[in-house]
Protein backbone atom coordinates (compact mmCIF):
# COMPACT_ATOMS: atom_id res chain seq x y z
CA MET A 1 -6.79 -24.55 -7.14
CA THR A 2 -3.80 -23.28 -5.41
CA LEU A 3 -2.97 -19.78 -4.44
CA PHE A 4 -0.58 -19.53 -7.27
CA GLN A 5 -2.80 -20.99 -9.75
CA THR A 6 -5.34 -18.68 -8.99
CA GLU A 7 -3.08 -15.56 -8.86
CA PHE A 8 -1.75 -16.86 -12.40
CA GLU A 9 -5.25 -17.14 -14.08
CA GLU A 10 -5.79 -13.70 -12.93
CA ILE A 11 -2.64 -12.49 -14.52
CA ARG A 12 -3.35 -14.35 -17.77
CA LYS A 13 -6.80 -12.52 -18.06
CA LEU A 14 -4.91 -9.19 -18.24
CA ILE A 15 -4.09 -10.14 -21.68
CA GLU A 16 -7.69 -10.59 -22.58
CA TYR A 17 -8.36 -7.02 -21.11
CA GLU A 18 -5.22 -5.82 -22.87
CA ASP A 19 -4.39 -4.27 -19.50
CA PHE A 20 -0.74 -4.43 -20.58
CA ASN A 21 0.94 -1.79 -18.31
CA ARG A 22 -0.17 -4.10 -15.27
CA LEU A 23 0.50 -7.19 -17.02
CA ILE A 24 4.29 -6.41 -17.65
CA LYS A 25 4.41 -5.62 -13.86
CA ARG A 26 3.11 -8.88 -13.15
CA ILE A 27 5.33 -10.88 -15.46
CA ILE A 28 8.42 -9.02 -13.92
CA ASP A 29 7.16 -10.30 -10.50
CA LEU A 30 6.66 -13.62 -11.31
CA THR A 31 10.22 -13.50 -13.24
CA LEU A 32 11.85 -12.26 -10.16
CA ASP A 33 10.26 -15.18 -8.20
CA THR A 34 11.97 -17.77 -10.41
CA GLU A 35 15.18 -16.17 -9.25
CA ASN A 36 16.52 -17.84 -12.54
CA ILE A 37 18.83 -15.77 -14.70
CA ILE A 38 17.45 -17.45 -17.82
CA PHE A 39 14.20 -16.15 -17.05
CA TYR A 40 15.67 -12.77 -16.28
CA ARG A 41 17.30 -12.77 -19.75
CA LYS A 42 13.83 -13.70 -21.45
CA THR A 43 11.88 -10.76 -19.75
CA THR A 44 14.61 -8.20 -20.24
CA SER A 45 14.67 -9.10 -24.01
CA LEU A 46 10.76 -8.73 -24.00
CA LEU A 47 11.07 -5.27 -22.39
CA ASP A 48 13.49 -4.16 -24.97
CA TRP A 49 11.08 -5.61 -27.66
CA LEU A 50 8.27 -3.79 -26.20
CA ASP A 51 10.34 -0.34 -26.56
CA SER A 52 10.39 -0.78 -30.27
CA PRO A 53 7.54 0.37 -32.37
CA ILE A 54 4.96 -2.64 -32.37
CA LYS A 55 2.33 -2.76 -34.93
CA ASP A 56 1.15 -6.43 -34.73
CA MET A 57 -1.31 -6.65 -31.79
CA ASN A 58 -1.74 -10.52 -32.07
CA GLU A 59 2.04 -10.93 -31.91
CA LYS A 60 2.33 -9.00 -28.78
CA LYS A 61 -0.23 -11.11 -27.17
CA GLU A 62 1.61 -14.28 -28.47
CA ARG A 63 4.79 -13.32 -26.79
CA PHE A 64 3.09 -12.46 -23.56
CA LEU A 65 1.10 -15.75 -23.32
CA SER A 66 4.43 -17.55 -24.43
CA ILE A 67 6.65 -16.26 -21.58
CA LEU A 68 3.76 -16.33 -19.18
CA ASN A 69 3.53 -20.30 -19.88
CA ASP A 70 7.05 -20.92 -19.68
CA LEU A 71 6.87 -18.74 -15.94
CA TYR A 72 4.09 -21.15 -15.05
CA ILE A 73 5.91 -24.46 -15.69
CA GLU A 74 9.03 -23.06 -13.98
CA LEU A 75 7.00 -21.84 -10.95
CA SER A 76 3.92 -24.55 -10.51
CA GLU A 77 6.01 -26.73 -8.53
CA ARG A 78 7.58 -24.57 -6.28
CA PRO A 79 6.19 -24.37 -2.46
CA VAL A 80 4.14 -21.37 -1.83
CA ILE A 81 5.62 -19.28 0.92
CA LEU A 82 2.69 -17.16 1.59
CA SER A 83 0.37 -18.50 4.40
CA GLU A 84 -1.83 -17.26 7.04
CA ASN A 85 -0.77 -16.29 10.47
CA ASP A 86 2.80 -15.84 9.20
CA LEU A 87 3.64 -13.08 11.61
CA LEU A 88 6.59 -10.87 10.93
CA LEU A 89 6.18 -8.10 13.79
CA SER A 90 4.33 -7.81 17.22
CA VAL A 91 4.09 -4.64 19.06
CA TYR A 92 2.88 -4.99 22.94
CA ASN A 93 2.27 -1.63 24.72
CA LEU A 94 4.45 0.49 23.01
CA ILE A 95 4.87 4.08 24.52
CA LYS A 96 7.18 6.78 23.44
CA SER A 97 7.20 10.09 25.26
CA TYR A 98 9.33 12.95 25.61
CA LYS A 99 10.50 14.58 28.49
CA ASN A 100 9.83 18.48 27.54
CA SER A 101 6.69 17.49 25.50
CA SER A 102 3.01 16.79 26.37
CA PHE A 103 2.96 14.56 23.66
CA ALA A 104 2.87 10.79 24.06
CA LEU A 105 2.49 7.99 21.44
CA GLY A 106 0.64 4.74 22.66
CA PRO A 107 0.14 2.63 24.01
CA ILE A 108 0.12 0.83 20.65
CA ASN A 109 -0.41 -2.98 20.31
CA MET A 110 -0.41 -4.44 16.78
CA GLU A 111 0.80 -7.40 14.66
CA ILE A 112 1.40 -7.58 10.89
CA GLU A 113 1.83 -10.84 8.89
CA LYS A 114 3.34 -11.65 5.55
CA GLY A 115 1.54 -10.57 2.74
CA LYS A 116 -0.55 -7.80 4.55
CA ILE A 117 -0.71 -4.31 4.39
CA VAL A 118 -1.23 -1.99 7.55
CA GLY A 119 -2.34 1.63 6.97
CA LEU A 120 -1.53 4.48 9.59
CA VAL A 121 -3.66 7.52 9.27
CA GLY A 122 -4.58 10.52 11.34
CA GLU A 123 -3.96 14.31 11.05
CA ASN A 124 -0.25 15.59 11.18
CA GLY A 125 1.51 15.59 14.29
CA ASN A 126 -0.38 12.61 15.79
CA GLY A 127 2.28 10.12 15.95
CA LYS A 128 2.30 8.45 12.61
CA THR A 129 5.90 9.30 11.96
CA THR A 130 7.12 8.47 15.63
CA LEU A 131 5.45 5.08 15.34
CA LEU A 132 7.46 4.16 12.20
CA ARG A 133 10.63 5.47 13.41
CA SER A 134 9.95 3.59 16.44
CA LEU A 135 9.36 0.22 14.62
CA CYS A 136 12.63 0.62 12.40
CA GLY A 137 14.51 1.33 15.87
CA GLU A 138 15.37 4.84 14.92
CA LEU A 139 13.64 5.86 18.01
CA LYS A 140 13.97 3.86 21.43
CA PRO A 141 10.44 3.34 22.88
CA THR A 142 9.90 4.62 26.34
CA ASN A 143 8.06 1.31 27.43
CA GLY A 144 6.66 -1.83 25.86
CA LYS A 145 8.18 -4.35 23.48
CA ILE A 146 8.68 -4.72 19.77
CA ASN A 147 9.06 -8.44 18.52
CA TYR A 148 10.55 -9.03 15.00
CA LEU A 149 9.55 -12.56 14.34
CA PHE A 150 11.61 -13.14 10.91
CA PRO A 151 15.10 -14.58 11.10
CA TYR A 152 18.17 -12.10 11.07
CA LYS A 153 21.75 -12.69 12.42
CA ASN A 154 22.68 -9.03 13.76
CA ASP A 155 21.45 -5.43 13.59
CA PHE A 156 22.78 -4.85 9.95
CA ASP A 157 20.87 -7.65 8.76
CA LEU A 158 17.90 -6.58 10.66
CA ARG A 159 18.12 -3.07 9.05
CA SER A 160 18.60 -4.72 5.82
CA LYS A 161 15.32 -6.90 6.11
CA LEU A 162 13.22 -4.19 7.90
CA ILE A 163 13.53 -1.12 5.54
CA TYR A 164 11.91 2.40 6.73
CA ILE A 165 11.46 4.85 3.72
CA PRO A 166 10.95 8.23 5.05
CA GLN A 167 8.87 11.25 3.38
CA ARG A 168 12.07 13.17 2.78
CA THR A 169 14.86 11.14 1.58
CA PRO A 170 18.49 12.42 1.26
CA SER A 171 19.75 13.19 -2.18
CA TRP A 172 22.21 11.26 -4.24
CA GLN A 173 24.92 11.56 -6.77
CA GLY A 174 25.29 10.05 -10.20
CA SER A 175 22.38 8.12 -12.19
CA LEU A 176 19.45 6.22 -10.77
CA LEU A 177 20.79 3.34 -12.70
CA SER A 178 24.20 3.34 -11.42
CA ASN A 179 22.94 3.81 -7.90
CA LEU A 180 20.76 0.97 -8.10
CA ARG A 181 23.42 -1.16 -9.52
CA PHE A 182 25.73 -0.06 -6.53
CA THR A 183 22.90 -1.18 -4.34
CA ALA A 184 22.61 -4.35 -5.77
CA ALA A 185 26.27 -5.13 -5.75
CA SER A 186 26.29 -4.01 -1.94
CA TYR A 187 23.86 -7.02 -1.16
CA GLY A 188 25.77 -9.63 -3.10
CA ILE A 189 24.21 -9.47 -6.64
CA THR A 190 26.90 -8.95 -9.15
CA GLY A 191 28.01 -9.53 -12.76
CA GLU A 192 25.14 -10.53 -15.33
CA GLU A 193 22.61 -10.89 -12.51
CA ASN A 194 23.46 -7.49 -11.28
CA ILE A 195 22.49 -5.90 -14.64
CA LEU A 196 19.58 -7.84 -15.22
CA THR A 197 18.19 -7.56 -11.80
CA VAL A 198 18.36 -3.88 -11.77
CA GLU A 199 16.74 -3.45 -15.10
CA LEU A 200 13.71 -5.84 -13.87
CA ILE A 201 13.32 -3.69 -10.67
CA ILE A 202 13.67 -0.41 -12.95
CA ALA A 203 10.89 -1.58 -15.15
CA ARG A 204 8.70 -2.75 -12.11
CA MET A 205 8.78 0.55 -10.65
CA GLY A 206 7.98 2.37 -13.95
CA LEU A 207 11.51 4.10 -13.68
CA ARG A 208 12.70 2.44 -17.31
CA LYS A 209 12.81 5.83 -19.30
CA TYR A 210 14.27 7.56 -16.32
CA ARG A 211 17.31 5.05 -15.73
CA ASN A 212 19.94 7.84 -16.61
CA TYR A 213 18.39 10.61 -14.56
CA LYS A 214 19.88 12.22 -11.72
CA TRP A 215 18.35 13.01 -8.54
CA LYS A 216 17.96 16.78 -9.09
CA ASN A 217 15.96 15.69 -12.20
CA LEU A 218 13.28 13.68 -10.85
CA SER A 219 10.03 14.50 -9.35
CA SER A 220 9.26 13.76 -5.75
CA GLY A 221 7.02 10.85 -6.93
CA TYR A 222 9.76 9.28 -8.86
CA LYS A 223 12.17 9.91 -6.13
CA MET A 224 9.97 7.78 -3.82
CA ARG A 225 9.71 4.93 -6.65
CA PHE A 226 13.47 5.10 -6.72
CA GLU A 227 13.60 4.54 -2.84
CA LEU A 228 11.21 1.90 -3.24
CA ALA A 229 13.38 0.07 -6.11
CA ARG A 230 16.44 0.36 -3.86
CA ALA A 231 14.54 -1.52 -0.75
CA LEU A 232 13.29 -4.29 -3.12
CA LEU A 233 16.82 -5.13 -4.19
CA ARG A 234 17.62 -5.79 -0.47
CA LYS A 235 14.76 -8.62 -0.49
CA PRO A 236 12.99 -6.86 2.73
CA GLN A 237 10.59 -9.04 4.85
CA LEU A 238 9.06 -5.77 6.20
CA LEU A 239 8.81 -2.08 4.46
CA LEU A 240 7.95 0.96 6.44
CA ILE A 241 7.07 3.95 4.34
CA ASP A 242 6.04 7.36 5.51
CA GLU A 243 3.66 9.42 3.27
CA PRO A 244 4.69 7.37 -0.10
CA LEU A 245 1.30 9.09 -1.84
CA ALA A 246 2.41 12.84 -0.92
CA ASN A 247 2.62 15.00 -4.02
CA LEU A 248 1.06 12.23 -6.56
CA ASP A 249 -2.04 12.69 -8.35
CA ILE A 250 -5.04 10.54 -7.94
CA LEU A 251 -4.06 8.24 -10.80
CA ALA A 252 -0.70 7.74 -9.47
CA GLN A 253 -1.74 6.86 -6.10
CA GLN A 254 -3.88 4.30 -7.28
CA ILE A 255 -0.94 2.83 -8.99
CA VAL A 256 1.44 2.88 -6.40
CA LEU A 257 -1.25 1.34 -4.22
CA ASP A 258 -1.61 -1.54 -6.57
CA ASP A 259 1.97 -2.14 -6.74
CA PHE A 260 2.24 -2.29 -2.99
CA ARG A 261 -0.49 -5.00 -2.81
CA ASP A 262 0.97 -6.98 -5.54
CA ILE A 263 4.53 -7.04 -4.01
CA ALA A 264 3.15 -7.49 -0.63
CA ARG A 265 1.02 -10.75 -1.59
CA SER A 266 3.57 -12.43 -3.80
CA PRO A 267 3.15 -16.22 -3.33
CA PHE A 268 7.05 -16.83 -3.34
CA ARG A 269 8.43 -13.72 -1.91
CA PRO A 270 5.68 -11.83 0.29
CA LEU A 271 6.57 -9.34 2.72
CA GLY A 272 4.73 -6.71 5.12
CA ILE A 273 3.89 -3.11 4.58
CA ILE A 274 3.07 -0.43 6.84
CA LEU A 275 2.36 2.93 5.39
CA SER A 276 1.17 6.22 6.76
CA SER A 277 -0.53 8.64 4.54
CA GLN A 278 -3.22 11.54 4.74
CA GLN A 279 -5.19 9.83 1.55
CA LEU A 280 -7.62 8.20 3.71
CA TYR A 281 -10.02 6.48 1.58
CA GLU A 282 -7.30 5.23 -0.90
CA VAL A 283 -5.39 3.66 1.90
CA GLU A 284 -8.36 2.04 3.55
CA LYS A 285 -9.28 0.31 0.08
CA THR A 286 -5.77 -1.09 -0.12
CA SER A 287 -4.88 -1.98 3.65
CA ASP A 288 -5.76 -5.02 5.49
CA ALA A 289 -5.99 -3.07 8.95
CA VAL A 290 -6.00 0.69 9.37
CA ILE A 291 -4.73 2.44 12.68
CA PHE A 292 -6.17 5.87 13.13
CA LEU A 293 -3.96 8.01 15.48
CA LYS A 294 -5.52 10.97 17.16
CA GLU A 295 -2.85 12.68 19.76
CA GLY A 296 -0.94 9.49 19.89
CA GLN A 297 -3.98 7.46 20.69
CA PRO A 298 -4.67 4.46 18.25
CA ARG A 299 -8.07 3.34 17.15
CA ASN A 300 -7.96 0.22 14.68
CA ILE A 301 -10.19 -1.35 11.95
CA THR A 302 -9.49 -4.85 10.75
CA HIS A 303 -11.06 -4.97 7.35
CA ASP A 304 -10.63 -8.95 7.14
CA THR A 305 -13.19 -9.31 10.10
CA ASP A 306 -14.77 -5.90 9.93
CA VAL A 307 -14.56 -5.46 13.94
CA THR A 308 -13.19 -2.57 15.24
CA ASP A 309 -11.88 -1.97 18.80
CA ILE A 310 -14.40 0.76 19.09
CA GLU A 311 -18.00 -0.18 19.06
CA ILE A 312 -19.86 1.11 16.34
CA SER A 313 -23.16 2.29 17.48
CA GLN A 314 -24.31 4.61 14.69
CA PHE A 315 -24.83 4.59 10.81
CA ILE A 316 -22.84 7.55 9.48
CA VAL A 317 -22.81 8.78 5.95
CA GLU A 318 -21.21 11.83 4.17
CA PHE A 319 -22.76 13.48 1.16
CA GLU A 320 -22.76 16.31 -1.03
CA SER A 321 -26.19 18.17 -1.88
CA GLU A 322 -27.53 21.47 -3.15
CA TRP A 323 -30.01 21.36 -0.37
CA ASN A 324 -29.45 23.52 2.93
CA LYS A 325 -29.58 22.00 6.55
CA GLU A 326 -33.26 22.85 7.03
CA GLN A 327 -34.45 20.81 3.96
CA LEU A 328 -32.20 17.86 5.06
CA ASN A 329 -33.27 17.84 8.36
CA ASN A 330 -37.09 17.88 7.59
CA ALA A 331 -36.39 14.87 5.11
CA PHE A 332 -34.36 12.72 7.46
CA ASN A 333 -35.95 13.41 10.75
CA GLN A 334 -38.29 10.37 10.06
CA LEU A 335 -35.07 8.27 10.39
CA GLY A 336 -34.40 9.79 13.59
CA MET A 337 -31.16 11.57 12.52
CA GLU A 338 -29.27 12.45 15.42
CA LYS A 339 -26.92 14.79 14.00
CA LEU A 340 -26.16 16.89 10.76
CA GLN A 341 -22.71 18.42 10.27
CA ILE A 342 -21.13 20.28 7.17
CA ASN A 343 -17.40 20.00 6.70
CA GLY A 344 -16.01 22.02 3.67
CA GLY A 345 -19.32 21.62 1.83
CA THR A 346 -19.75 18.12 2.69
CA TYR A 347 -22.72 16.93 4.89
CA VAL A 348 -22.30 14.36 7.66
CA ALA A 349 -25.36 12.82 9.08
CA SER A 350 -25.33 10.55 11.89
CA PHE A 351 -28.08 8.11 12.48
CA PRO A 352 -29.28 5.35 15.07
CA TYR A 353 -27.25 2.08 14.28
CA LYS A 354 -30.69 0.54 13.31
CA VAL A 355 -30.74 2.70 9.99
CA ASP A 356 -28.83 0.95 7.12
CA GLN A 357 -27.98 2.22 3.45
CA ASN A 358 -31.28 1.22 2.12
CA SER A 359 -33.40 3.00 4.29
CA PHE A 360 -31.17 6.32 3.76
CA LEU A 361 -31.34 5.90 -0.13
CA LYS A 362 -35.03 5.35 0.04
CA ILE A 363 -35.40 8.86 1.74
CA ILE A 364 -33.22 10.42 -0.85
CA LEU A 365 -35.37 8.82 -3.68
CA GLU A 366 -38.74 9.63 -1.76
CA HIS A 367 -37.90 13.09 -1.43
CA GLU A 368 -35.84 13.61 -4.79
CA ILE A 369 -32.91 15.13 -2.75
CA PRO A 370 -30.19 15.82 -5.18
CA ILE A 371 -27.02 14.06 -4.32
CA THR A 372 -23.83 14.45 -6.21
CA TYR A 373 -21.44 12.05 -3.85
CA TYR A 374 -22.50 9.54 -1.24
CA ARG A 375 -20.35 7.36 0.89
CA ASN A 376 -21.08 5.04 4.05
CA ILE A 377 -18.18 5.90 6.56
CA SER A 378 -19.84 3.87 9.44
CA ASN A 379 -16.77 1.56 9.35
CA SER A 380 -14.29 4.00 8.26
CA THR A 381 -11.64 5.85 10.10
CA ARG A 382 -13.36 8.90 8.50
CA ARG A 383 -15.72 9.07 11.20
CA PHE A 384 -12.74 9.61 13.76
CA PHE A 385 -12.19 12.96 12.25
CA LEU A 386 -15.40 14.25 13.03
CA SER A 387 -15.95 16.89 16.22
């Protein structure tokens, strides 16, 4: 079974699960993959129909299945672009320092491939934004080399394919819809294709009912979605996004991260995404690799191989319990616990690496320790935040 067939079967199952919100997004993704205005019309017509009062669930499912089958026939013979080791960017020994500051970023060594997501985490002021601005060319590195490994004609073309979305974006005039149509026209998408493409991107980013809103009427979360919609109209190779989860609630954060994953891993239009965030666990779940920055110095985790550039020599777990430190010390000492910290009501316990989750949970059960939360952070960048 090909990559596209596997993905298509997963999308078709969304009908059975009645996960219609995600299904609509994936149908739009497939529609844009066709680059065929006939399918743009079909999917836009479906979106209009879905906006009307719908009572018959079977008809709804039949319409979804019908358009999915048509999309499958259209796309099944096309070559898949997403492949392994298709590098977009490589960075060697990047350093950014300032004459009047003790802070210096780097040295940074990293790569990103098509279809991959790299997360940047760390406390404020530790170099995440500096790294993103260096990668996009806004800041000139003091030392090192950045190689852009996708084709581009000139600096303007490079900035079209490598897009940086800062945390605070400038305001704009007019409606959301008119701005996106202007962006599309600026990149050669005109006429009916302009109208339909913009409608599909608006729906893909959950902006359909906000199409006539102005900048001042949008929340910060929807302003970020607008910026992402505008970026996607430019068909980028690489997206650099600074704090896209800021000011979003937990549910909205997960939806946005799911969107990033689906967009990045398109078989026909894959791209790379580098994003910074304070939302450590959410970013770790979505990213293929994570870079933790501390005072400008990187520590990396690659999730594909579960190998880090820092040797892991401990089993580290964070948890919440009603018990005090003395009670917990007495219970866990038989595992040779090396350290027990408490941060904001959450305990972090460090054990020799020979200790594992099973032995930790066995002690919990044997001593009937009340636990309300538990997470193994041995392979998480969370351990780098500890003193």
